[in-house]
Amino acid sequence: MLIRDVLAPDLRVVFCGTALGARSAQVGAYYAGRGNKFWRTIQEVGLTPVVLRPDEYVRLLEYGIGLTDVSKTESGSDAEVGRDSFDVPRLVAELERYSPGWIAFNGKNAALAALGRKVEYGSQPGELGGVRCFVLPSTSGLAGRFWDIELWRILARLVGSSE
């Protein structure tokens, strides 16, 4: 089961992954994998006042946050999804349509897919669809060796808190 984007005009930030993980696709909820740190992290850094459950993902709009993926037709690990399903023109069109303050890539693979170039963590030069870009360490349990919550705190300061 694939999930529609969570987008609205003028959001503070849109988080963009590569594609839904297998568990997320199975249950129909973003970042639903048992080892994924997304929901706990966005609360810990002040982007939401509470830890939301994956099945409450549409509530992110209440806090000025959106969700999307580079691939909206495949699910699984980055290796399983492959590059053929990436739809960067769709992503750019959505960014131009909704004009969020930032797009934050949940992992370097998502950023590489969307930006088409090697990236480092943090704020990126240039824009995508007229939107400033930030690359974060992935919250996936499979990417634990790259984890650094401090970059998430930096993003939270840039986009503002949920208060």
N, C-alpha and C. Protein backbone atom coordinates (compact mmCIF):
# COMPACT_ATOMS: atom_id res chain seq x y z
N MET A 1 0.85 -1.18 0.00
CA MET A 1 0.00 0.00 0.00
C MET A 1 0.89 1.24 0.00
N LEU A 2 0.72 2.08 -0.98
CA LEU A 2 1.48 3.33 -1.02
C LEU A 2 0.64 4.44 -0.42
N ILE A 3 1.30 5.44 0.10
CA ILE A 3 0.63 6.50 0.86
C ILE A 3 0.77 7.83 0.11
N ARG A 4 -0.29 8.58 0.12
CA ARG A 4 -0.27 9.90 -0.52
C ARG A 4 0.62 10.85 0.27
N ASP A 5 1.10 11.87 -0.43
CA ASP A 5 1.87 12.92 0.23
C ASP A 5 1.03 13.62 1.29
N VAL A 6 1.70 14.17 2.28
CA VAL A 6 1.07 15.03 3.28
C VAL A 6 1.60 16.43 3.00
N LEU A 7 0.83 17.19 2.24
CA LEU A 7 1.28 18.51 1.80
C LEU A 7 0.14 19.52 1.91
N ALA A 8 0.52 20.76 2.13
CA ALA A 8 -0.40 21.89 2.19
C ALA A 8 0.44 23.14 1.91
N PRO A 9 -0.21 24.23 1.56
CA PRO A 9 0.56 25.45 1.29
C PRO A 9 1.33 25.95 2.51
N ASP A 10 2.52 26.49 2.24
CA ASP A 10 3.30 27.25 3.22
C ASP A 10 3.69 26.49 4.49
N LEU A 11 4.01 25.21 4.36
CA LEU A 11 4.50 24.45 5.51
C LEU A 11 5.90 24.93 5.90
N ARG A 12 6.27 24.72 7.16
CA ARG A 12 7.61 25.08 7.62
C ARG A 12 8.65 24.20 6.96
N VAL A 13 8.35 22.91 6.89
CA VAL A 13 9.30 21.94 6.35
C VAL A 13 8.53 20.73 5.81
N VAL A 14 9.06 20.17 4.73
CA VAL A 14 8.57 18.90 4.20
C VAL A 14 9.71 17.91 4.30
N PHE A 15 9.47 16.79 4.98
CA PHE A 15 10.46 15.72 5.06
C PHE A 15 10.28 14.81 3.86
N CYS A 16 11.39 14.47 3.23
CA CYS A 16 11.36 13.65 2.02
C CYS A 16 12.29 12.46 2.17
N GLY A 17 11.71 11.27 2.10
CA GLY A 17 12.50 10.05 2.11
C GLY A 17 12.71 9.55 0.69
N THR A 18 13.44 8.46 0.56
CA THR A 18 13.62 7.86 -0.76
C THR A 18 12.33 7.19 -1.21
N ALA A 19 11.77 6.34 -0.36
CA ALA A 19 10.52 5.62 -0.62
C ALA A 19 10.02 5.07 0.71
N LEU A 20 8.77 4.66 0.74
CA LEU A 20 8.25 4.03 1.95
C LEU A 20 9.03 2.76 2.25
N GLY A 21 9.31 2.53 3.51
CA GLY A 21 9.88 1.27 3.91
C GLY A 21 8.83 0.17 3.79
N ALA A 22 9.26 -1.08 3.84
CA ALA A 22 8.34 -2.20 3.68
C ALA A 22 7.24 -2.19 4.73
N ARG A 23 7.60 -1.96 6.00
CA ARG A 23 6.61 -1.94 7.07
C ARG A 23 5.62 -0.78 6.90
N SER A 24 6.12 0.39 6.51
CA SER A 24 5.25 1.54 6.28
C SER A 24 4.23 1.25 5.19
N ALA A 25 4.69 0.63 4.10
CA ALA A 25 3.78 0.28 3.02
C ALA A 25 2.76 -0.76 3.47
N GLN A 26 3.21 -1.70 4.30
CA GLN A 26 2.33 -2.77 4.78
C GLN A 26 1.19 -2.22 5.64
N VAL A 27 1.51 -1.26 6.54
CA VAL A 27 0.48 -0.76 7.46
C VAL A 27 -0.14 0.56 7.01
N GLY A 28 0.39 1.16 5.95
CA GLY A 28 -0.18 2.41 5.44
C GLY A 28 0.10 3.61 6.33
N ALA A 29 1.34 3.70 6.83
CA ALA A 29 1.71 4.81 7.71
C ALA A 29 3.19 5.12 7.54
N TYR A 30 3.52 6.39 7.42
CA TYR A 30 4.91 6.81 7.26
C TYR A 30 5.76 6.44 8.49
N TYR A 31 7.00 6.06 8.24
CA TYR A 31 8.01 5.80 9.28
C TYR A 31 7.51 4.83 10.36
N ALA A 32 6.92 3.73 9.90
CA ALA A 32 6.31 2.76 10.82
C ALA A 32 7.24 1.62 11.21
N GLY A 33 8.41 1.55 10.63
CA GLY A 33 9.34 0.48 10.97
C GLY A 33 9.72 0.52 12.44
N ARG A 34 9.84 -0.63 13.05
CA ARG A 34 10.09 -0.73 14.49
C ARG A 34 11.35 0.03 14.92
N GLY A 35 12.39 0.01 14.11
CA GLY A 35 13.63 0.68 14.48
C GLY A 35 13.75 2.12 14.01
N ASN A 36 12.70 2.65 13.39
CA ASN A 36 12.79 4.01 12.85
C ASN A 36 12.62 5.04 13.97
N LYS A 37 13.49 6.04 13.97
CA LYS A 37 13.52 7.05 15.04
C LYS A 37 12.79 8.35 14.67
N PHE A 38 12.10 8.39 13.53
CA PHE A 38 11.52 9.65 13.05
C PHE A 38 10.60 10.33 14.06
N TRP A 39 9.59 9.62 14.52
CA TRP A 39 8.57 10.24 15.38
C TRP A 39 9.14 10.72 16.70
N ARG A 40 10.00 9.93 17.30
CA ARG A 40 10.65 10.31 18.56
C ARG A 40 11.57 11.52 18.33
N THR A 41 12.28 11.52 17.20
CA THR A 41 13.24 12.58 16.92
C THR A 41 12.57 13.92 16.71
N ILE A 42 11.50 13.97 15.91
CA ILE A 42 10.90 15.28 15.65
C ILE A 42 10.30 15.88 16.91
N GLN A 43 9.86 15.03 17.84
CA GLN A 43 9.39 15.56 19.12
C GLN A 43 10.58 16.02 19.96
N GLU A 44 11.63 15.23 20.01
CA GLU A 44 12.79 15.55 20.85
C GLU A 44 13.44 16.88 20.43
N VAL A 45 13.45 17.18 19.14
CA VAL A 45 14.10 18.42 18.69
C VAL A 45 13.13 19.61 18.67
N GLY A 46 11.87 19.39 19.07
CA GLY A 46 10.92 20.49 19.21
C GLY A 46 10.05 20.78 18.00
N LEU A 47 10.04 19.89 17.01
CA LEU A 47 9.20 20.13 15.84
C LEU A 47 7.74 19.77 16.10
N THR A 48 7.50 18.85 17.02
CA THR A 48 6.15 18.54 17.50
C THR A 48 6.19 18.53 19.02
N PRO A 49 5.08 18.87 19.67
CA PRO A 49 5.07 18.89 21.14
C PRO A 49 4.91 17.52 21.76
N VAL A 50 4.47 16.55 20.99
CA VAL A 50 4.26 15.18 21.47
C VAL A 50 4.84 14.20 20.46
N VAL A 51 5.06 12.97 20.91
CA VAL A 51 5.49 11.91 19.98
C VAL A 51 4.23 11.35 19.33
N LEU A 52 4.09 11.59 18.05
CA LEU A 52 2.96 11.05 17.31
C LEU A 52 3.22 9.59 16.95
N ARG A 53 2.16 8.85 16.77
CA ARG A 53 2.27 7.47 16.27
C ARG A 53 2.31 7.52 14.75
N PRO A 54 2.90 6.53 14.11
CA PRO A 54 2.92 6.51 12.65
C PRO A 54 1.54 6.66 12.02
N ASP A 55 0.50 6.06 12.62
CA ASP A 55 -0.84 6.16 12.04
C ASP A 55 -1.47 7.54 12.22
N GLU A 56 -0.80 8.43 12.93
CA GLU A 56 -1.26 9.80 13.10
C GLU A 56 -0.53 10.77 12.17
N TYR A 57 0.11 10.25 11.14
CA TYR A 57 1.00 11.07 10.32
C TYR A 57 0.32 12.30 9.72
N VAL A 58 -0.97 12.26 9.42
CA VAL A 58 -1.62 13.45 8.85
C VAL A 58 -1.68 14.60 9.84
N ARG A 59 -1.54 14.31 11.13
CA ARG A 59 -1.53 15.38 12.14
C ARG A 59 -0.32 16.29 12.02
N LEU A 60 0.70 15.85 11.28
CA LEU A 60 1.87 16.71 11.11
C LEU A 60 1.49 18.06 10.50
N LEU A 61 0.44 18.09 9.70
CA LEU A 61 0.00 19.37 9.12
C LEU A 61 -0.33 20.39 10.21
N GLU A 62 -0.81 19.92 11.37
CA GLU A 62 -1.12 20.82 12.49
C GLU A 62 0.12 21.57 12.95
N TYR A 63 1.30 21.01 12.69
CA TYR A 63 2.56 21.59 13.15
C TYR A 63 3.38 22.18 12.01
N GLY A 64 2.74 22.35 10.85
CA GLY A 64 3.43 22.96 9.72
C GLY A 64 4.45 22.05 9.06
N ILE A 65 4.21 20.74 9.13
CA ILE A 65 5.16 19.75 8.61
C ILE A 65 4.46 18.89 7.56
N GLY A 66 5.18 18.60 6.48
CA GLY A 66 4.67 17.71 5.44
C GLY A 66 5.58 16.51 5.23
N LEU A 67 5.09 15.55 4.45
CA LEU A 67 5.84 14.33 4.16
C LEU A 67 5.69 13.96 2.69
N THR A 68 6.77 13.47 2.10
CA THR A 68 6.74 12.94 0.75
C THR A 68 7.93 11.99 0.58
N ASP A 69 8.04 11.41 -0.60
CA ASP A 69 9.16 10.54 -0.96
C ASP A 69 9.54 10.80 -2.40
N VAL A 70 10.77 10.50 -2.76
CA VAL A 70 11.22 10.65 -4.14
C VAL A 70 10.49 9.63 -5.02
N SER A 71 10.28 8.43 -4.51
CA SER A 71 9.51 7.41 -5.22
C SER A 71 8.16 7.25 -4.56
N LYS A 72 7.10 7.39 -5.33
CA LYS A 72 5.75 7.19 -4.81
C LYS A 72 5.13 5.91 -5.36
N THR A 73 5.91 5.10 -6.10
CA THR A 73 5.36 3.90 -6.72
C THR A 73 5.96 2.61 -6.20
N GLU A 74 7.05 2.70 -5.44
CA GLU A 74 7.74 1.50 -4.92
C GLU A 74 7.93 1.64 -3.42
N SER A 75 8.18 0.53 -2.77
CA SER A 75 8.48 0.55 -1.34
C SER A 75 9.55 -0.48 -1.04
N GLY A 76 10.19 -0.32 0.11
CA GLY A 76 11.25 -1.22 0.54
C GLY A 76 12.50 -0.44 0.87
N SER A 77 13.59 -1.14 1.04
CA SER A 77 14.87 -0.48 1.33
C SER A 77 15.33 0.27 0.09
N ASP A 78 16.29 1.17 0.27
CA ASP A 78 16.83 1.91 -0.88
C ASP A 78 17.34 0.96 -1.96
N ALA A 79 17.99 -0.12 -1.55
CA ALA A 79 18.51 -1.09 -2.52
C ALA A 79 17.38 -1.79 -3.27
N GLU A 80 16.28 -2.08 -2.58
CA GLU A 80 15.16 -2.75 -3.22
C GLU A 80 14.40 -1.85 -4.18
N VAL A 81 14.30 -0.58 -3.84
CA VAL A 81 13.51 0.36 -4.65
C VAL A 81 14.21 0.64 -5.98
N GLY A 82 15.50 0.83 -5.94
CA GLY A 82 16.22 1.15 -7.17
C GLY A 82 15.91 2.56 -7.65
N ARG A 83 16.53 2.98 -8.72
CA ARG A 83 16.41 4.35 -9.20
C ARG A 83 15.30 4.54 -10.23
N ASP A 84 14.81 3.47 -10.83
CA ASP A 84 13.84 3.60 -11.91
C ASP A 84 12.53 4.23 -11.48
N SER A 85 12.20 4.13 -10.20
CA SER A 85 10.92 4.67 -9.73
C SER A 85 11.02 6.12 -9.23
N PHE A 86 12.21 6.69 -9.22
CA PHE A 86 12.35 8.07 -8.74
C PHE A 86 11.62 9.02 -9.69
N ASP A 87 10.86 9.92 -9.12
CA ASP A 87 10.11 10.89 -9.91
C ASP A 87 10.43 12.30 -9.42
N VAL A 88 11.59 12.78 -9.80
CA VAL A 88 12.03 14.11 -9.37
C VAL A 88 11.15 15.20 -9.96
N PRO A 89 10.73 15.13 -11.23
CA PRO A 89 9.84 16.17 -11.74
C PRO A 89 8.54 16.31 -10.93
N ARG A 90 7.99 15.19 -10.45
CA ARG A 90 6.80 15.24 -9.60
C ARG A 90 7.11 15.95 -8.30
N LEU A 91 8.25 15.62 -7.70
CA LEU A 91 8.66 16.25 -6.45
C LEU A 91 8.84 17.75 -6.63
N VAL A 92 9.53 18.15 -7.67
CA VAL A 92 9.75 19.58 -7.94
C VAL A 92 8.41 20.29 -8.14
N ALA A 93 7.51 19.68 -8.89
CA ALA A 93 6.20 20.30 -9.12
C ALA A 93 5.44 20.50 -7.81
N GLU A 94 5.52 19.52 -6.91
CA GLU A 94 4.84 19.66 -5.62
C GLU A 94 5.47 20.76 -4.77
N LEU A 95 6.78 20.86 -4.80
CA LEU A 95 7.45 21.93 -4.06
C LEU A 95 7.06 23.30 -4.62
N GLU A 96 7.03 23.41 -5.92
CA GLU A 96 6.62 24.68 -6.53
C GLU A 96 5.17 25.01 -6.21
N ARG A 97 4.33 24.00 -6.18
CA ARG A 97 2.90 24.20 -5.90
C ARG A 97 2.65 24.63 -4.46
N TYR A 98 3.32 23.98 -3.50
CA TYR A 98 3.03 24.22 -2.09
C TYR A 98 3.98 25.19 -1.40
N SER A 99 5.15 25.39 -1.95
CA SER A 99 6.11 26.38 -1.46
C SER A 99 6.41 26.31 0.04
N PRO A 100 6.90 25.16 0.52
CA PRO A 100 7.29 25.09 1.93
C PRO A 100 8.56 25.91 2.18
N GLY A 101 8.84 26.18 3.44
CA GLY A 101 10.05 26.92 3.78
C GLY A 101 11.31 26.11 3.49
N TRP A 102 11.26 24.80 3.76
CA TRP A 102 12.41 23.91 3.57
C TRP A 102 11.94 22.55 3.09
N ILE A 103 12.80 21.85 2.37
CA ILE A 103 12.66 20.43 2.16
C ILE A 103 13.84 19.79 2.87
N ALA A 104 13.54 18.83 3.74
CA ALA A 104 14.58 18.15 4.51
C ALA A 104 14.60 16.68 4.09
N PHE A 105 15.71 16.26 3.53
CA PHE A 105 15.85 14.89 3.07
C PHE A 105 16.25 14.00 4.23
N ASN A 106 15.46 12.96 4.46
CA ASN A 106 15.71 12.00 5.53
C ASN A 106 16.70 10.97 5.00
N GLY A 107 17.96 11.37 4.94
CA GLY A 107 19.03 10.49 4.46
C GLY A 107 19.66 11.01 3.18
N LYS A 108 20.94 10.70 3.01
CA LYS A 108 21.67 11.13 1.83
C LYS A 108 21.15 10.51 0.55
N ASN A 109 20.64 9.28 0.61
CA ASN A 109 20.15 8.64 -0.61
C ASN A 109 18.97 9.40 -1.20
N ALA A 110 18.07 9.87 -0.37
CA ALA A 110 16.94 10.65 -0.87
C ALA A 110 17.43 11.96 -1.49
N ALA A 111 18.39 12.60 -0.85
CA ALA A 111 18.92 13.86 -1.38
C ALA A 111 19.65 13.64 -2.69
N LEU A 112 20.45 12.61 -2.77
CA LEU A 112 21.16 12.29 -4.00
C LEU A 112 20.17 12.04 -5.13
N ALA A 113 19.11 11.29 -4.85
CA ALA A 113 18.10 11.00 -5.86
C ALA A 113 17.43 12.28 -6.35
N ALA A 114 17.11 13.19 -5.45
CA ALA A 114 16.38 14.40 -5.81
C ALA A 114 17.28 15.47 -6.42
N LEU A 115 18.47 15.63 -5.86
CA LEU A 115 19.36 16.71 -6.29
C LEU A 115 20.29 16.29 -7.42
N GLY A 116 20.49 14.99 -7.57
CA GLY A 116 21.30 14.49 -8.66
C GLY A 116 22.79 14.74 -8.52
N ARG A 117 23.23 14.91 -7.28
CA ARG A 117 24.65 15.14 -7.02
C ARG A 117 25.00 14.66 -5.63
N LYS A 118 26.27 14.45 -5.41
CA LYS A 118 26.74 14.06 -4.09
C LYS A 118 26.42 15.17 -3.10
N VAL A 119 26.05 14.79 -1.89
CA VAL A 119 25.67 15.77 -0.87
C VAL A 119 26.38 15.44 0.44
N GLU A 120 26.49 16.44 1.26
CA GLU A 120 26.93 16.28 2.65
C GLU A 120 25.75 16.65 3.53
N TYR A 121 25.81 16.30 4.80
CA TYR A 121 24.75 16.65 5.72
C TYR A 121 24.70 18.16 5.93
N GLY A 122 23.50 18.66 6.20
CA GLY A 122 23.32 20.07 6.50
C GLY A 122 22.63 20.81 5.36
N SER A 123 22.64 22.13 5.49
CA SER A 123 22.03 23.01 4.49
C SER A 123 22.79 22.88 3.17
N GLN A 124 22.04 22.87 2.07
CA GLN A 124 22.62 22.67 0.74
C GLN A 124 22.66 23.97 -0.05
N PRO A 125 23.65 24.11 -0.92
CA PRO A 125 23.64 25.27 -1.82
C PRO A 125 22.51 25.13 -2.83
N GLY A 126 21.94 26.23 -3.24
CA GLY A 126 20.88 26.21 -4.24
C GLY A 126 19.56 25.76 -3.65
N GLU A 127 18.59 25.59 -4.53
CA GLU A 127 17.25 25.22 -4.12
C GLU A 127 16.73 24.11 -5.03
N LEU A 128 15.64 23.50 -4.63
CA LEU A 128 14.93 22.53 -5.45
C LEU A 128 13.48 23.00 -5.54
N GLY A 129 13.03 23.31 -6.73
CA GLY A 129 11.66 23.82 -6.88
C GLY A 129 11.45 25.12 -6.14
N GLY A 130 12.51 25.92 -6.00
CA GLY A 130 12.42 27.19 -5.28
C GLY A 130 12.45 27.06 -3.77
N VAL A 131 12.81 25.89 -3.27
CA VAL A 131 12.78 25.62 -1.83
C VAL A 131 14.19 25.29 -1.33
N ARG A 132 14.55 25.85 -0.17
CA ARG A 132 15.83 25.55 0.45
C ARG A 132 15.89 24.09 0.88
N CYS A 133 17.08 23.52 0.80
CA CYS A 133 17.27 22.08 1.05
C CYS A 133 18.20 21.83 2.24
N PHE A 134 17.89 20.77 2.98
CA PHE A 134 18.69 20.35 4.12
C PHE A 134 18.76 18.83 4.08
N VAL A 135 19.95 18.28 4.33
CA VAL A 135 20.13 16.83 4.33
C VAL A 135 20.40 16.37 5.76
N LEU A 136 19.61 15.39 6.18
CA LEU A 136 19.68 14.85 7.54
C LEU A 136 20.15 13.40 7.54
N PRO A 137 20.75 12.96 8.63
CA PRO A 137 21.02 11.53 8.77
C PRO A 137 19.67 10.79 8.81
N SER A 138 19.60 9.67 8.13
CA SER A 138 18.37 8.90 8.07
C SER A 138 17.96 8.39 9.45
N THR A 139 16.65 8.40 9.69
CA THR A 139 16.11 7.86 10.94
C THR A 139 15.89 6.35 10.86
N SER A 140 16.15 5.76 9.72
CA SER A 140 15.98 4.32 9.56
C SER A 140 16.91 3.57 10.50
N GLY A 141 16.40 2.49 11.06
CA GLY A 141 17.24 1.64 11.90
C GLY A 141 18.41 1.05 11.13
N LEU A 142 18.26 0.91 9.82
CA LEU A 142 19.33 0.36 8.98
C LEU A 142 20.49 1.33 8.81
N ALA A 143 20.26 2.62 9.13
CA ALA A 143 21.30 3.63 8.95
C ALA A 143 21.86 4.11 10.28
N GLY A 144 21.74 3.31 11.31
CA GLY A 144 22.14 3.71 12.66
C GLY A 144 23.57 4.19 12.80
N ARG A 145 24.47 3.66 12.02
CA ARG A 145 25.88 4.08 12.17
C ARG A 145 26.12 5.52 11.75
N PHE A 146 25.18 6.11 11.00
CA PHE A 146 25.31 7.50 10.56
C PHE A 146 24.51 8.47 11.43
N TRP A 147 23.85 7.94 12.44
CA TRP A 147 22.91 8.75 13.22
C TRP A 147 23.60 9.89 13.97
N ASP A 148 22.99 11.08 13.91
CA ASP A 148 23.46 12.25 14.66
C ASP A 148 22.26 13.19 14.83
N ILE A 149 21.68 13.20 16.00
CA ILE A 149 20.50 14.03 16.24
C ILE A 149 20.81 15.52 16.18
N GLU A 150 22.08 15.89 16.34
CA GLU A 150 22.43 17.32 16.34
C GLU A 150 22.04 17.99 15.03
N LEU A 151 22.16 17.30 13.92
CA LEU A 151 21.75 17.88 12.64
C LEU A 151 20.24 18.11 12.59
N TRP A 152 19.48 17.26 13.24
CA TRP A 152 18.04 17.45 13.35
C TRP A 152 17.73 18.67 14.22
N ARG A 153 18.54 18.88 15.25
CA ARG A 153 18.35 20.07 16.10
C ARG A 153 18.64 21.36 15.32
N ILE A 154 19.67 21.31 14.49
CA ILE A 154 19.99 22.47 13.65
C ILE A 154 18.82 22.79 12.73
N LEU A 155 18.28 21.77 12.08
CA LEU A 155 17.12 21.99 11.20
C LEU A 155 15.95 22.58 11.99
N ALA A 156 15.69 22.04 13.17
CA ALA A 156 14.57 22.53 13.98
C ALA A 156 14.75 24.02 14.30
N ARG A 157 15.97 24.44 14.57
CA ARG A 157 16.22 25.86 14.83
C ARG A 157 15.95 26.70 13.57
N LEU A 158 16.30 26.17 12.42
CA LEU A 158 16.09 26.89 11.16
C LEU A 158 14.61 27.05 10.82
N VAL A 159 13.82 26.00 11.06
CA VAL A 159 12.42 26.04 10.65
C VAL A 159 11.49 26.53 11.75
N GLY A 160 11.96 26.60 12.98
CA GLY A 160 11.15 27.06 14.10
C GLY A 160 10.45 25.91 14.81
N SER A 161 10.10 26.12 16.05
CA SER A 161 9.50 25.06 16.88
C SER A 161 8.00 24.96 16.62
N SER A 162 7.38 23.97 17.23
CA SER A 162 5.95 23.73 17.06
C SER A 162 5.10 24.65 17.92
N GLU A 163 5.72 25.40 18.78
CA GLU A 163 4.96 26.27 19.71
C GLU A 163 4.29 27.41 18.98
